[in-house]
Amino acid sequence: MAHSRHGTRYVRGYVTEGGMWAPTTSHRGRVGSWIAVALIITGFTLAAVSLPLGPDWWLMGAGLIAMALGGLVCLAADIFTDVVLDDPRYDEEEMHSTPLHKIKERQRELSGDA
C-alpha cells in the first residue's frame, strides 16, 4: 500500500490491456508469432483427428512434425517478447471488511502508517 502526494492511499497495479491501441479489436503479436501458433494448432488438430481414424500413423506423424516446426518458429520468432505491459496505474483502495483487510489495517496501526 502506498500513499499519493495528496495523502490518499492507492493500490498499484497494471492495466491488463491498454495503451494507444486499446480501442481496436485487432489481436496483438507479430506475424511470425501467429504463424508459429497456427502451425502448432494445425499439428495438434491433425494428430487429434488421426486417432479416431485408426490410428492413422501418417497423419499423426504429419501433426507431430507440424507441432515441432511450430515450436522451432516460436523460438526463432522469440514469441514471448510479444507480451505488452502497460505503465502502472493508480486506483483508490476500495474499503471492505474481509478478515484480511482487518489484519492489514491492524498491522498499519501497529507500524504507525495509519
PDB file of N, CA and C in Angstrom:
ATOM      1  N   MET A   1       0.854  -1.167   0.000  1.00  0.00           N
ATOM      2  CA  MET A   1       0.000   0.000   0.000  1.00  0.00           C
ATOM      3  C   MET A   1       0.894   1.222   0.000  1.00  0.00           C
ATOM      4  N   ALA A   2       0.548   2.184  -0.761  1.00  0.00           N
ATOM      5  CA  ALA A   2       1.339   3.408  -0.858  1.00  0.00           C
ATOM      6  C   ALA A   2       0.414   4.608  -0.720  1.00  0.00           C
ATOM      7  N   HIS A   3       1.021   5.766  -0.601  1.00  0.00           N
ATOM      8  CA  HIS A   3       0.262   6.995  -0.462  1.00  0.00           C
ATOM      9  C   HIS A   3       0.616   7.933  -1.603  1.00  0.00           C
ATOM     10  N   SER A   4      -0.372   8.652  -2.106  1.00  0.00           N
ATOM     11  CA  SER A   4      -0.131   9.626  -3.167  1.00  0.00           C
ATOM     12  C   SER A   4       0.382  10.929  -2.557  1.00  0.00           C
ATOM     13  N   ARG A   5       0.669  11.891  -3.413  1.00  0.00           N
ATOM     14  CA  ARG A   5       1.134  13.191  -2.927  1.00  0.00           C
ATOM     15  C   ARG A   5       0.082  13.877  -2.070  1.00  0.00           C
ATOM     16  N   HIS A   6      -1.174  13.544  -2.291  1.00  0.00           N
ATOM     17  CA  HIS A   6      -2.271  14.183  -1.558  1.00  0.00           C
ATOM     18  C   HIS A   6      -2.613  13.442  -0.277  1.00  0.00           C
ATOM     19  N   GLY A   7      -1.879  12.360   0.021  1.00  0.00           N
ATOM     20  CA  GLY A   7      -2.105  11.629   1.250  1.00  0.00           C
ATOM     21  C   GLY A   7      -3.129  10.510   1.145  1.00  0.00           C
ATOM     22  N   THR A   8      -3.747  10.300  -0.036  1.00  0.00           N
ATOM     23  CA  THR A   8      -4.718   9.213  -0.167  1.00  0.00           C
ATOM     24  C   THR A   8      -3.983   7.918  -0.480  1.00  0.00           C
ATOM     25  N   ARG A   9      -4.534   6.835   0.010  1.00  0.00           N
ATOM     26  CA  ARG A   9      -3.930   5.526  -0.249  1.00  0.00           C
ATOM     27  C   ARG A   9      -4.359   5.034  -1.615  1.00  0.00           C
ATOM     28  N   TYR A  10      -3.482   4.299  -2.273  1.00  0.00           N
ATOM     29  CA  TYR A  10      -3.830   3.720  -3.570  1.00  0.00           C
ATOM     30  C   TYR A  10      -3.200   2.348  -3.705  1.00  0.00           C
ATOM     31  N   VAL A  11      -3.748   1.574  -4.598  1.00  0.00           N
ATOM     32  CA  VAL A  11      -3.241   0.254  -4.915  1.00  0.00           C
ATOM     33  C   VAL A  11      -2.510   0.359  -6.237  1.00  0.00           C
ATOM     34  N   ARG A  12      -1.278  -0.101  -6.278  1.00  0.00           N
ATOM     35  CA  ARG A  12      -0.522  -0.038  -7.521  1.00  0.00           C
ATOM     36  C   ARG A  12      -0.792  -1.307  -8.314  1.00  0.00           C
ATOM     37  N   GLY A  13      -1.161  -1.169  -9.571  1.00  0.00           N
ATOM     38  CA  GLY A  13      -1.444  -2.329 -10.393  1.00  0.00           C
ATOM     39  C   GLY A  13      -1.137  -2.065 -11.840  1.00  0.00           C
ATOM     40  N   TYR A  14      -1.287  -3.077 -12.650  1.00  0.00           N
ATOM     41  CA  TYR A  14      -1.030  -2.964 -14.072  1.00  0.00           C
ATOM     42  C   TYR A  14      -2.323  -3.108 -14.845  1.00  0.00           C
ATOM     43  N   VAL A  15      -2.443  -2.364 -15.930  1.00  0.00           N
ATOM     44  CA  VAL A  15      -3.595  -2.483 -16.808  1.00  0.00           C
ATOM     45  C   VAL A  15      -3.373  -3.734 -17.653  1.00  0.00           C
ATOM     46  N   THR A  16      -4.363  -4.613 -17.735  1.00  0.00           N
ATOM     47  CA  THR A  16      -4.174  -5.842 -18.496  1.00  0.00           C
ATOM     48  C   THR A  16      -4.022  -5.566 -19.974  1.00  0.00           C
ATOM     49  N   GLU A  17      -4.778  -4.670 -20.525  1.00  0.00           N
ATOM     50  CA  GLU A  17      -4.625  -4.249 -21.909  1.00  0.00           C
ATOM     51  C   GLU A  17      -4.853  -2.757 -21.961  1.00  0.00           C
ATOM     52  N   GLY A  18      -4.264  -2.132 -22.918  1.00  0.00           N
ATOM     53  CA  GLY A  18      -4.472  -0.705 -22.978  1.00  0.00           C
ATOM     54  C   GLY A  18      -3.456  -0.046 -23.867  1.00  0.00           C
ATOM     55  N   GLY A  19      -3.059   1.122 -23.481  1.00  0.00           N
ATOM     56  CA  GLY A  19      -2.145   1.874 -24.310  1.00  0.00           C
ATOM     57  C   GLY A  19      -2.898   2.529 -25.450  1.00  0.00           C
ATOM     58  N   MET A  20      -2.165   2.958 -26.455  1.00  0.00           N
ATOM     59  CA  MET A  20      -2.806   3.682 -27.539  1.00  0.00           C
ATOM     60  C   MET A  20      -3.592   2.789 -28.484  1.00  0.00           C
ATOM     61  N   TRP A  21      -3.450   1.452 -28.380  1.00  0.00           N
ATOM     62  CA  TRP A  21      -4.201   0.557 -29.264  1.00  0.00           C
ATOM     63  C   TRP A  21      -5.407  -0.064 -28.570  1.00  0.00           C
ATOM     64  N   ALA A  22      -5.737   0.350 -27.371  1.00  0.00           N
ATOM     65  CA  ALA A  22      -6.799  -0.285 -26.594  1.00  0.00           C
ATOM     66  C   ALA A  22      -8.154  -0.307 -27.295  1.00  0.00           C
ATOM     67  N   PRO A  23      -8.606   0.753 -27.985  1.00  0.00           N
ATOM     68  CA  PRO A  23      -9.946   0.719 -28.561  1.00  0.00           C
ATOM     69  C   PRO A  23     -10.080  -0.196 -29.776  1.00  0.00           C
ATOM     70  N   THR A  24      -8.990  -0.706 -30.330  1.00  0.00           N
ATOM     71  CA  THR A  24      -9.091  -1.524 -31.531  1.00  0.00           C
ATOM     72  C   THR A  24      -9.516  -2.935 -31.184  1.00  0.00           C
ATOM     73  N   THR A  25      -9.996  -3.672 -32.169  1.00  0.00           N
ATOM     74  CA  THR A  25     -10.401  -5.061 -31.964  1.00  0.00           C
ATOM     75  C   THR A  25      -9.397  -6.035 -32.538  1.00  0.00           C
ATOM     76  N   SER A  26      -8.248  -5.568 -33.035  1.00  0.00           N
ATOM     77  CA  SER A  26      -7.267  -6.464 -33.624  1.00  0.00           C
ATOM     78  C   SER A  26      -6.428  -7.132 -32.538  1.00  0.00           C
ATOM     79  N   HIS A  27      -5.891  -8.290 -32.893  1.00  0.00           N
ATOM     80  CA  HIS A  27      -5.025  -9.012 -31.963  1.00  0.00           C
ATOM     81  C   HIS A  27      -3.606  -8.476 -32.066  1.00  0.00           C
ATOM     82  N   ARG A  28      -2.885  -8.596 -30.999  1.00  0.00           N
ATOM     83  CA  ARG A  28      -1.515  -8.136 -30.990  1.00  0.00           C
ATOM     84  C   ARG A  28      -0.593  -9.291 -31.342  1.00  0.00           C
ATOM     85  N   GLY A  29       0.622  -8.986 -31.629  1.00  0.00           N
ATOM     86  CA  GLY A  29       1.614 -10.003 -31.939  1.00  0.00           C
ATOM     87  C   GLY A  29       2.154  -9.821 -33.334  1.00  0.00           C
ATOM     88  N   ARG A  30       3.333 -10.359 -33.528  1.00  0.00           N
ATOM     89  CA  ARG A  30       3.964 -10.261 -34.835  1.00  0.00           C
ATOM     90  C   ARG A  30       3.514 -11.405 -35.724  1.00  0.00           C
ATOM     91  N   VAL A  31       3.763 -11.266 -37.008  1.00  0.00           N
ATOM     92  CA  VAL A  31       3.335 -12.264 -37.983  1.00  0.00           C
ATOM     93  C   VAL A  31       3.999 -13.613 -37.712  1.00  0.00           C
ATOM     94  N   GLY A  32       5.286 -13.592 -37.379  1.00  0.00           N
ATOM     95  CA  GLY A  32       5.992 -14.845 -37.085  1.00  0.00           C
ATOM     96  C   GLY A  32       5.388 -15.591 -35.909  1.00  0.00           C
ATOM     97  N   SER A  33       4.947 -14.847 -34.918  1.00  0.00           N
ATOM     98  CA  SER A  33       4.324 -15.474 -33.748  1.00  0.00           C
ATOM     99  C   SER A  33       3.006 -16.135 -34.121  1.00  0.00           C
ATOM    100  N   TRP A  34       2.224 -15.459 -34.966  1.00  0.00           N
ATOM    101  CA  TRP A  34       0.944 -16.039 -35.381  1.00  0.00           C
ATOM    102  C   TRP A  34       1.147 -17.246 -36.287  1.00  0.00           C
ATOM    103  N   ILE A  35       2.187 -17.236 -37.114  1.00  0.00           N
ATOM    104  CA  ILE A  35       2.491 -18.406 -37.946  1.00  0.00           C
ATOM    105  C   ILE A  35       2.860 -19.590 -37.060  1.00  0.00           C
ATOM    106  N   ALA A  36       3.652 -19.347 -36.033  1.00  0.00           N
ATOM    107  CA  ALA A  36       4.028 -20.411 -35.106  1.00  0.00           C
ATOM    108  C   ALA A  36       2.809 -21.005 -34.412  1.00  0.00           C
ATOM    109  N   VAL A  37       1.933 -20.143 -33.949  1.00  0.00           N
ATOM    110  CA  VAL A  37       0.725 -20.620 -33.268  1.00  0.00           C
ATOM    111  C   VAL A  37      -0.166 -21.400 -34.241  1.00  0.00           C
ATOM    112  N   ALA A  38      -0.287 -20.922 -35.470  1.00  0.00           N
ATOM    113  CA  ALA A  38      -1.101 -21.631 -36.463  1.00  0.00           C
ATOM    114  C   ALA A  38      -0.517 -23.007 -36.765  1.00  0.00           C
ATOM    115  N   LEU A  39       0.816 -23.115 -36.858  1.00  0.00           N
ATOM    116  CA  LEU A  39       1.440 -24.418 -37.088  1.00  0.00           C
ATOM    117  C   LEU A  39       1.172 -25.378 -35.936  1.00  0.00           C
ATOM    118  N   ILE A  40       1.280 -24.888 -34.724  1.00  0.00           N
ATOM    119  CA  ILE A  40       1.054 -25.757 -33.562  1.00  0.00           C
ATOM    120  C   ILE A  40      -0.399 -26.201 -33.491  1.00  0.00           C
ATOM    121  N   ILE A  41      -1.325 -25.293 -33.719  1.00  0.00           N
ATOM    122  CA  ILE A  41      -2.750 -25.666 -33.678  1.00  0.00           C
ATOM    123  C   ILE A  41      -3.086 -26.644 -34.803  1.00  0.00           C
ATOM    124  N   THR A  42      -2.561 -26.394 -36.001  1.00  0.00           N
ATOM    125  CA  THR A  42      -2.803 -27.303 -37.122  1.00  0.00           C
ATOM    126  C   THR A  42      -2.225 -28.684 -36.832  1.00  0.00           C
ATOM    127  N   GLY A  43      -1.016 -28.731 -36.315  1.00  0.00           N
ATOM    128  CA  GLY A  43      -0.400 -30.006 -35.972  1.00  0.00           C
ATOM    129  C   GLY A  43      -1.176 -30.762 -34.915  1.00  0.00           C
ATOM    130  N   PHE A  44      -1.626 -30.041 -33.905  1.00  0.00           N
ATOM    131  CA  PHE A  44      -2.415 -30.687 -32.853  1.00  0.00           C
ATOM    132  C   PHE A  44      -3.727 -31.234 -33.422  1.00  0.00           C
ATOM    133  N   THR A  45      -4.353 -30.456 -34.303  1.00  0.00           N
ATOM    134  CA  THR A  45      -5.613 -30.903 -34.907  1.00  0.00           C
ATOM    135  C   THR A  45      -5.396 -32.140 -35.769  1.00  0.00           C
ATOM    136  N   LEU A  46      -4.331 -32.148 -36.558  1.00  0.00           N
ATOM    137  CA  LEU A  46      -4.038 -33.322 -37.391  1.00  0.00           C
ATOM    138  C   LEU A  46      -3.794 -34.552 -36.523  1.00  0.00           C
ATOM    139  N   ALA A  47      -3.019 -34.395 -35.477  1.00  0.00           N
ATOM    140  CA  ALA A  47      -2.739 -35.529 -34.594  1.00  0.00           C
ATOM    141  C   ALA A  47      -4.008 -36.005 -33.888  1.00  0.00           C
ATOM    142  N   ALA A  48      -4.864 -35.085 -33.492  1.00  0.00           N
ATOM    143  CA  ALA A  48      -6.107 -35.469 -32.814  1.00  0.00           C
ATOM    144  C   ALA A  48      -7.060 -36.182 -33.762  1.00  0.00           C
ATOM    145  N   VAL A  49      -7.129 -35.720 -35.013  1.00  0.00           N
ATOM    146  CA  VAL A  49      -8.015 -36.354 -35.991  1.00  0.00           C
ATOM    147  C   VAL A  49      -7.489 -37.741 -36.369  1.00  0.00           C
ATOM    148  N   SER A  50      -6.178 -37.933 -36.321  1.00  0.00           N
ATOM    149  CA  SER A  50      -5.605 -39.222 -36.706  1.00  0.00           C
ATOM    150  C   SER A  50      -5.987 -40.346 -35.744  1.00  0.00           C
ATOM    151  N   LEU A  51      -6.274 -40.019 -34.502  1.00  0.00           N
ATOM    152  CA  LEU A  51      -6.575 -41.058 -33.514  1.00  0.00           C
ATOM    153  C   LEU A  51      -7.869 -41.823 -33.812  1.00  0.00           C
ATOM    154  N   PRO A  52      -8.994 -41.157 -34.053  1.00  0.00           N
ATOM    155  CA  PRO A  52     -10.201 -41.941 -34.331  1.00  0.00           C
ATOM    156  C   PRO A  52     -10.210 -42.572 -35.724  1.00  0.00           C
ATOM    157  N   LEU A  53      -9.261 -42.232 -36.571  1.00  0.00           N
ATOM    158  CA  LEU A  53      -9.202 -42.805 -37.910  1.00  0.00           C
ATOM    159  C   LEU A  53      -8.378 -44.082 -37.955  1.00  0.00           C
ATOM    160  N   GLY A  54      -8.111 -44.684 -36.869  1.00  0.00           N
ATOM    161  CA  GLY A  54      -7.437 -45.962 -36.974  1.00  0.00           C
ATOM    162  C   GLY A  54      -6.558 -46.402 -35.849  1.00  0.00           C
ATOM    163  N   PRO A  55      -5.583 -45.800 -35.389  1.00  0.00           N
ATOM    164  CA  PRO A  55      -4.980 -44.503 -35.670  1.00  0.00           C
ATOM    165  C   PRO A  55      -4.234 -44.488 -37.001  1.00  0.00           C
ATOM    166  N   ASP A  56      -4.314 -43.391 -37.662  1.00  0.00           N
ATOM    167  CA  ASP A  56      -3.627 -43.181 -38.933  1.00  0.00           C
ATOM    168  C   ASP A  56      -2.255 -42.602 -38.613  1.00  0.00           C
ATOM    169  N   TRP A  57      -1.213 -43.438 -38.695  1.00  0.00           N
ATOM    170  CA  TRP A  57       0.114 -43.051 -38.246  1.00  0.00           C
ATOM    171  C   TRP A  57       0.752 -41.982 -39.134  1.00  0.00           C
ATOM    172  N   TRP A  58       0.421 -41.962 -40.412  1.00  0.00           N
ATOM    173  CA  TRP A  58       0.971 -40.932 -41.298  1.00  0.00           C
ATOM    174  C   TRP A  58       0.428 -39.557 -40.916  1.00  0.00           C
ATOM    175  N   LEU A  59      -0.850 -39.506 -40.631  1.00  0.00           N
ATOM    176  CA  LEU A  59      -1.455 -38.242 -40.222  1.00  0.00           C
ATOM    177  C   LEU A  59      -0.934 -37.801 -38.849  1.00  0.00           C
ATOM    178  N   MET A  60      -0.734 -38.789 -37.968  1.00  0.00           N
ATOM    179  CA  MET A  60      -0.160 -38.492 -36.648  1.00  0.00           C
ATOM    180  C   MET A  60       1.249 -37.925 -36.811  1.00  0.00           C
ATOM    181  N   GLY A  61       2.037 -38.524 -37.672  1.00  0.00           N
ATOM    182  CA  GLY A  61       3.402 -38.047 -37.912  1.00  0.00           C
ATOM    183  C   GLY A  61       3.411 -36.642 -38.487  1.00  0.00           C
ATOM    184  N   ALA A  62       2.501 -36.383 -39.434  1.00  0.00           N
ATOM    185  CA  ALA A  62       2.419 -35.041 -40.017  1.00  0.00           C
ATOM    186  C   ALA A  62       2.051 -34.014 -38.950  1.00  0.00           C
ATOM    187  N   GLY A  63       1.148 -34.375 -38.053  1.00  0.00           N
ATOM    188  CA  GLY A  63       0.765 -33.475 -36.975  1.00  0.00           C
ATOM    189  C   GLY A  63       1.915 -33.208 -36.019  1.00  0.00           C
ATOM    190  N   LEU A  64       2.666 -34.254 -35.674  1.00  0.00           N
ATOM    191  CA  LEU A  64       3.805 -34.072 -34.775  1.00  0.00           C
ATOM    192  C   LEU A  64       4.893 -33.215 -35.423  1.00  0.00           C
ATOM    193  N   ILE A  65       5.122 -33.425 -36.719  1.00  0.00           N
ATOM    194  CA  ILE A  65       6.106 -32.608 -37.433  1.00  0.00           C
ATOM    195  C   ILE A  65       5.662 -31.144 -37.471  1.00  0.00           C
ATOM    196  N   ALA A  66       4.375 -30.902 -37.726  1.00  0.00           N
ATOM    197  CA  ALA A  66       3.868 -29.524 -37.754  1.00  0.00           C
ATOM    198  C   ALA A  66       4.014 -28.863 -36.387  1.00  0.00           C
ATOM    199  N   MET A  67       3.745 -29.626 -35.315  1.00  0.00           N
ATOM    200  CA  MET A  67       3.904 -29.054 -33.974  1.00  0.00           C
ATOM    201  C   MET A  67       5.374 -28.752 -33.678  1.00  0.00           C
ATOM    202  N   ALA A  68       6.280 -29.643 -34.101  1.00  0.00           N
ATOM    203  CA  ALA A  68       7.711 -29.409 -33.889  1.00  0.00           C
ATOM    204  C   ALA A  68       8.184 -28.182 -34.674  1.00  0.00           C
ATOM    205  N   LEU A  69       7.716 -28.052 -35.915  1.00  0.00           N
ATOM    206  CA  LEU A  69       8.071 -26.871 -36.709  1.00  0.00           C
ATOM    207  C   LEU A  69       7.529 -25.600 -36.066  1.00  0.00           C
ATOM    208  N   GLY A  70       6.307 -25.665 -35.547  1.00  0.00           N
ATOM    209  CA  GLY A  70       5.736 -24.522 -34.849  1.00  0.00           C
ATOM    210  C   GLY A  70       6.556 -24.138 -33.627  1.00  0.00           C
ATOM    211  N   GLY A  71       7.063 -25.134 -32.908  1.00  0.00           N
ATOM    212  CA  GLY A  71       7.917 -24.861 -31.759  1.00  0.00           C
ATOM    213  C   GLY A  71       9.218 -24.182 -32.166  1.00  0.00           C
ATOM    214  N   LEU A  72       9.793 -24.643 -33.282  1.00  0.00           N
ATOM    215  CA  LEU A  72      11.015 -24.009 -33.780  1.00  0.00           C
ATOM    216  C   LEU A  72      10.759 -22.569 -34.224  1.00  0.00           C
ATOM    217  N   VAL A  73       9.612 -22.347 -34.871  1.00  0.00           N
ATOM    218  CA  VAL A  73       9.272 -20.977 -35.281  1.00  0.00           C
ATOM    219  C   VAL A  73       9.051 -20.105 -34.047  1.00  0.00           C
ATOM    220  N   CYS A  74       8.482 -20.676 -32.972  1.00  0.00           N
ATOM    221  CA  CYS A  74       8.333 -19.932 -31.713  1.00  0.00           C
ATOM    222  C   CYS A  74       9.688 -19.470 -31.196  1.00  0.00           C
ATOM    223  N   LEU A  75      10.660 -20.363 -31.230  1.00  0.00           N
ATOM    224  CA  LEU A  75      11.994 -19.991 -30.775  1.00  0.00           C
ATOM    225  C   LEU A  75      12.615 -18.939 -31.679  1.00  0.00           C
ATOM    226  N   ALA A  76      12.471 -19.117 -32.998  1.00  0.00           N
ATOM    227  CA  ALA A  76      13.064 -18.176 -33.954  1.00  0.00           C
ATOM    228  C   ALA A  76      12.397 -16.803 -33.880  1.00  0.00           C
ATOM    229  N   ALA A  77      11.087 -16.777 -33.669  1.00  0.00           N
ATOM    230  CA  ALA A  77      10.349 -15.511 -33.633  1.00  0.00           C
ATOM    231  C   ALA A  77      10.402 -14.855 -32.258  1.00  0.00           C
ATOM    232  N   ASP A  78      10.958 -15.559 -31.269  1.00  0.00           N
ATOM    233  CA  ASP A  78      11.016 -15.051 -29.896  1.00  0.00           C
ATOM    234  C   ASP A  78       9.623 -14.604 -29.454  1.00  0.00           C
ATOM    235  N   ILE A  79       8.701 -15.556 -29.463  1.00  0.00           N
ATOM    236  CA  ILE A  79       7.275 -15.293 -29.277  1.00  0.00           C
ATOM    237  C   ILE A  79       6.950 -14.658 -27.918  1.00  0.00           C
ATOM    238  N   PHE A  80       7.770 -14.913 -26.901  1.00  0.00           N
ATOM    239  CA  PHE A  80       7.458 -14.396 -25.572  1.00  0.00           C
ATOM    240  C   PHE A  80       7.720 -12.898 -25.433  1.00  0.00           C
ATOM    241  N   THR A  81       8.366 -12.296 -26.411  1.00  0.00           N
ATOM    242  CA  THR A  81       8.566 -10.846 -26.339  1.00  0.00           C
ATOM    243  C   THR A  81       7.361 -10.090 -26.880  1.00  0.00           C
ATOM    244  N   ASP A  82       6.317 -10.784 -27.301  1.00  0.00           N
ATOM    245  CA  ASP A  82       5.098 -10.135 -27.769  1.00  0.00           C
ATOM    246  C   ASP A  82       4.227  -9.636 -26.629  1.00  0.00           C
ATOM    247  N   VAL A  83       4.577  -9.947 -25.389  1.00  0.00           N
ATOM    248  CA  VAL A  83       3.786  -9.554 -24.229  1.00  0.00           C
ATOM    249  C   VAL A  83       3.835  -8.033 -24.079  1.00  0.00           C
ATOM    250  N   VAL A  84       2.679  -7.421 -23.843  1.00  0.00           N
ATOM    251  CA  VAL A  84       2.591  -5.977 -23.689  1.00  0.00           C
ATOM    252  C   VAL A  84       2.259  -5.667 -22.235  1.00  0.00           C
ATOM    253  N   LEU A  85       3.134  -4.922 -21.591  1.00  0.00           N
ATOM    254  CA  LEU A  85       2.867  -4.464 -20.231  1.00  0.00           C
ATOM    255  C   LEU A  85       2.762  -2.954 -20.268  1.00  0.00           C
ATOM    256  N   ASP A  86       1.646  -2.449 -19.846  1.00  0.00           N
ATOM    257  CA  ASP A  86       1.445  -1.003 -19.825  1.00  0.00           C
ATOM    258  C   ASP A  86       2.028  -0.414 -18.546  1.00  0.00           C
ATOM    259  N   ASP A  87       2.133   0.885 -18.528  1.00  0.00           N
ATOM    260  CA  ASP A  87       2.618   1.573 -17.343  1.00  0.00           C
ATOM    261  C   ASP A  87       1.665   1.332 -16.179  1.00  0.00           C
ATOM    262  N   PRO A  88       2.178   1.363 -14.949  1.00  0.00           N
ATOM    263  CA  PRO A  88       1.302   1.152 -13.793  1.00  0.00           C
ATOM    264  C   PRO A  88       0.225   2.229 -13.706  1.00  0.00           C
ATOM    265  N   ARG A  89      -0.914   1.843 -13.187  1.00  0.00           N
ATOM    266  CA  ARG A  89      -1.978   2.812 -12.948  1.00  0.00           C
ATOM    267  C   ARG A  89      -2.255   2.823 -11.450  1.00  0.00           C
ATOM    268  N   TYR A  90      -2.815   3.884 -10.980  1.00  0.00           N
ATOM    269  CA  TYR A  90      -3.063   4.040  -9.556  1.00  0.00           C
ATOM    270  C   TYR A  90      -4.564   4.180  -9.329  1.00  0.00           C
ATOM    271  N   ASP A  91      -5.111   3.267  -8.525  1.00  0.00           N
ATOM    272  CA  ASP A  91      -6.521   3.294  -8.186  1.00  0.00           C
ATOM    273  C   ASP A  91      -6.674   3.490  -6.690  1.00  0.00           C
ATOM    274  N   GLU A  92      -7.742   4.156  -6.331  1.00  0.00           N
ATOM    275  CA  GLU A  92      -8.064   4.305  -4.917  1.00  0.00           C
ATOM    276  C   GLU A  92      -8.378   2.927  -4.333  1.00  0.00           C
ATOM    277  N   GLU A  93      -7.985   2.710  -3.104  1.00  0.00           N
ATOM    278  CA  GLU A  93      -8.284   1.451  -2.452  1.00  0.00           C
ATOM    279  C   GLU A  93      -9.754   1.409  -2.080  1.00  0.00           C
ATOM    280  N   GLU A  94     -10.432   0.337  -2.444  1.00  0.00           N
ATOM    281  CA  GLU A  94     -11.832   0.175  -2.087  1.00  0.00           C
ATOM    282  C   GLU A  94     -11.909  -0.472  -0.713  1.00  0.00           C
ATOM    283  N   MET A  95     -12.559   0.198   0.192  1.00  0.00           N
ATOM    284  CA  MET A  95     -12.654  -0.320   1.548  1.00  0.00           C
ATOM    285  C   MET A  95     -13.627  -1.498   1.608  1.00  0.00           C
ATOM    286  N   HIS A  96     -13.244  -2.511   2.334  1.00  0.00           N
ATOM    287  CA  HIS A  96     -14.097  -3.683   2.529  1.00  0.00           C
ATOM    288  C   HIS A  96     -13.776  -4.268   3.891  1.00  0.00           C
ATOM    289  N   SER A  97     -14.570  -5.206   4.337  1.00  0.00           N
ATOM    290  CA  SER A  97     -14.414  -5.683   5.712  1.00  0.00           C
ATOM    291  C   SER A  97     -14.086  -7.165   5.764  1.00  0.00           C
ATOM    292  N   THR A  98     -13.228  -7.645   4.889  1.00  0.00           N
ATOM    293  CA  THR A  98     -12.818  -9.043   4.951  1.00  0.00           C
ATOM    294  C   THR A  98     -11.819  -9.223   6.083  1.00  0.00           C
ATOM    295  N   PRO A  99     -11.639 -10.428   6.568  1.00  0.00           N
ATOM    296  CA  PRO A  99     -10.662 -10.640   7.652  1.00  0.00           C
ATOM    297  C   PRO A  99      -9.248 -10.191   7.267  1.00  0.00           C
ATOM    298  N   LEU A 100      -8.833 -10.404   6.030  1.00  0.00           N
ATOM    299  CA  LEU A 100      -7.502  -9.988   5.611  1.00  0.00           C
ATOM    300  C   LEU A 100      -7.363  -8.471   5.697  1.00  0.00           C
ATOM    301  N   HIS A 101      -8.421  -7.754   5.314  1.00  0.00           N
ATOM    302  CA  HIS A 101      -8.388  -6.304   5.395  1.00  0.00           C
ATOM    303  C   HIS A 101      -8.221  -5.849   6.851  1.00  0.00           C
ATOM    304  N   LYS A 102      -8.911  -6.520   7.765  1.00  0.00           N
ATOM    305  CA  LYS A 102      -8.802  -6.146   9.182  1.00  0.00           C
ATOM    306  C   LYS A 102      -7.393  -6.424   9.701  1.00  0.00           C
ATOM    307  N   ILE A 103      -6.786  -7.528   9.270  1.00  0.00           N
ATOM    308  CA  ILE A 103      -5.427  -7.853   9.698  1.00  0.00           C
ATOM    309  C   ILE A 103      -4.452  -6.799   9.186  1.00  0.00           C
ATOM    310  N   LYS A 104      -4.566  -6.446   7.907  1.00  0.00           N
ATOM    311  CA  LYS A 104      -3.674  -5.438   7.335  1.00  0.00           C
ATOM    312  C   LYS A 104      -3.871  -4.077   7.996  1.00  0.00           C
ATOM    313  N   GLU A 105      -5.118  -3.735   8.323  1.00  0.00           N
ATOM    314  CA  GLU A 105      -5.382  -2.468   8.991  1.00  0.00           C
ATOM    315  C   GLU A 105      -4.737  -2.456  10.372  1.00  0.00           C
ATOM    316  N   ARG A 106      -4.826  -3.583  11.062  1.00  0.00           N
ATOM    317  CA  ARG A 106      -4.196  -3.688  12.400  1.00  0.00           C
ATOM    318  C   ARG A 106      -2.684  -3.571  12.283  1.00  0.00           C
ATOM    319  N   GLN A 107      -2.088  -4.174  11.259  1.00  0.00           N
ATOM    320  CA  GLN A 107      -0.655  -4.066  11.058  1.00  0.00           C
ATOM    321  C   GLN A 107      -0.240  -2.629  10.775  1.00  0.00           C
ATOM    322  N   ARG A 108      -1.054  -1.905  10.020  1.00  0.00           N
ATOM    323  CA  ARG A 108      -0.749  -0.491   9.739  1.00  0.00           C
ATOM    324  C   ARG A 108      -0.815   0.330  11.027  1.00  0.00           C
ATOM    325  N   GLU A 109      -1.801   0.024  11.887  1.00  0.00           N
ATOM    326  CA  GLU A 109      -1.908   0.750  13.156  1.00  0.00           C
ATOM    327  C   GLU A 109      -0.686   0.506  14.019  1.00  0.00           C
ATOM    328  N   LEU A 110      -0.225  -0.757  14.063  1.00  0.00           N
ATOM    329  CA  LEU A 110       0.916  -1.089  14.899  1.00  0.00           C
ATOM    330  C   LEU A 110       2.219  -0.495  14.349  1.00  0.00           C
ATOM    331  N   SER A 111       2.328  -0.386  13.027  1.00  0.00           N
ATOM    332  CA  SER A 111       3.556   0.143  12.433  1.00  0.00           C
ATOM    333  C   SER A 111       3.546   1.675  12.375  1.00  0.00           C
ATOM    334  N   GLY A 112       2.397   2.279  12.625  1.00  0.00           N
ATOM    335  CA  GLY A 112       2.302   3.736  12.622  1.00  0.00           C
ATOM    336  C   GLY A 112       2.082   4.334  11.244  1.00  0.00           C
ATOM    337  N   ASP A 113       1.663   3.534  10.252  1.00  0.00           N
ATOM    338  CA  ASP A 113       1.412   4.012   8.901  1.00  0.00           C
ATOM    339  C   ASP A 113      -0.014   4.486   8.702  1.00  0.00           C
ATOM    340  N   ALA A 114      -0.833   4.445   9.736  1.00  0.00           N
ATOM    341  CA  ALA A 114      -2.238   4.799   9.585  1.00  0.00           C
ATOM    342  C   ALA A 114      -2.349   6.204   9.165  1.00  0.00           C
TER     343      ALA A 114
END
